[in-house]
Protein backbone atom coordinates (compact mmCIF):
# COMPACT_ATOMS: atom_id res chain seq x y z
CA UNK A 1 6.37 5.13 30.99
CA UNK A 2 8.61 2.41 32.38
CA UNK A 3 11.40 2.72 34.94
CA UNK A 4 14.28 0.38 34.19
CA UNK A 5 17.07 1.35 36.62
CA UNK A 6 17.62 3.30 39.80
CA UNK A 7 21.10 4.64 40.50
CA UNK A 8 22.65 6.43 43.47
CA UNK A 9 23.47 10.10 43.10
CA UNK A 10 27.04 10.31 41.81
CA UNK A 11 27.23 6.83 40.29
CA UNK A 12 29.10 6.93 37.00
CA UNK A 13 27.61 3.71 35.65
CA UNK A 14 24.70 1.40 36.41
CA UNK A 15 25.34 -1.27 39.04
CA UNK A 16 22.73 -3.69 37.73
CA UNK A 17 22.60 -5.81 40.91
CA UNK A 18 22.12 -2.76 43.15
CA UNK A 19 19.58 -1.30 40.72
CA UNK A 20 17.51 -4.50 40.72
CA UNK A 21 17.60 -4.56 44.54
CA UNK A 22 16.42 -0.93 44.75
CA UNK A 23 13.65 -1.55 42.21
CA UNK A 24 12.45 -4.57 44.19
CA UNK A 25 12.60 -2.71 47.53
CA UNK A 26 10.61 0.24 46.20
CA UNK A 27 8.16 -1.33 43.74
CA UNK A 28 7.95 -4.94 44.96
CA UNK A 29 5.85 -7.20 42.74
CA UNK A 30 5.13 -4.31 40.34
CA UNK A 31 8.54 -5.00 38.76
CA UNK A 32 7.95 -7.12 35.65
CA UNK A 33 10.77 -8.18 33.32
CA UNK A 34 13.14 -5.80 35.11
CA UNK A 35 10.89 -2.75 34.65
CA UNK A 36 8.24 -0.95 36.69
CA UNK A 37 5.27 0.65 34.94
CA UNK A 38 5.03 4.25 36.14
CA UNK A 39 1.44 5.37 35.67
CA UNK A 40 1.39 7.85 38.55
CA UNK A 41 3.96 10.39 37.33
CA UNK A 42 2.94 13.75 35.94
CA UNK A 43 5.56 16.38 35.30
CA UNK A 44 8.58 17.21 33.22
CA UNK A 45 12.06 15.82 32.78
CA UNK A 46 14.80 16.61 30.34
CA UNK A 47 17.31 14.56 28.39
CA UNK A 48 20.69 16.16 27.77
CA UNK A 49 21.93 16.46 24.21
CA UNK A 50 25.27 17.74 22.96
CA UNK A 51 28.26 19.00 24.90
CA UNK A 52 28.23 19.81 28.61
CA UNK A 53 28.63 23.60 28.77
CA UNK A 54 28.50 24.28 32.48
CA UNK A 55 28.33 22.32 35.74
CA UNK A 56 28.12 23.66 39.27
CA UNK A 57 30.03 20.63 40.53
CA UNK A 58 27.03 19.19 42.34
CA UNK A 59 23.61 19.20 40.67
CA UNK A 60 23.04 21.76 37.94
CA UNK A 61 24.36 20.92 34.48
CA UNK A 62 23.80 22.94 31.31
CA UNK A 63 24.08 21.24 27.93
CA UNK A 64 24.04 22.61 24.38
CA UNK A 65 20.49 21.31 23.98
CA UNK A 66 17.95 19.48 26.07
CA UNK A 67 14.93 17.50 25.05
CA UNK A 68 12.06 18.40 27.38
CA UNK A 69 9.52 15.66 27.93
CA UNK A 70 6.17 16.49 29.52
CA UNK A 71 4.14 13.65 30.99
CA UNK A 72 0.51 14.15 31.96
CA UNK A 73 -1.29 11.36 33.74
């Protein structure tokens, strides 16, 4: 799995300059061609799909569907 961008909580779009700075600060020379190879992550994350049905205004969002991805290292 590769990490391509890091955004601040609440950002509506990717600030590429800030993202590259964050990537460099966190991963240093492990960033190659604008990406960091993430070989240490094990867990789950979901990708939203469809309409946003509910949002608590802060963190929790519920969509029509979600694609659940499980990564085991």
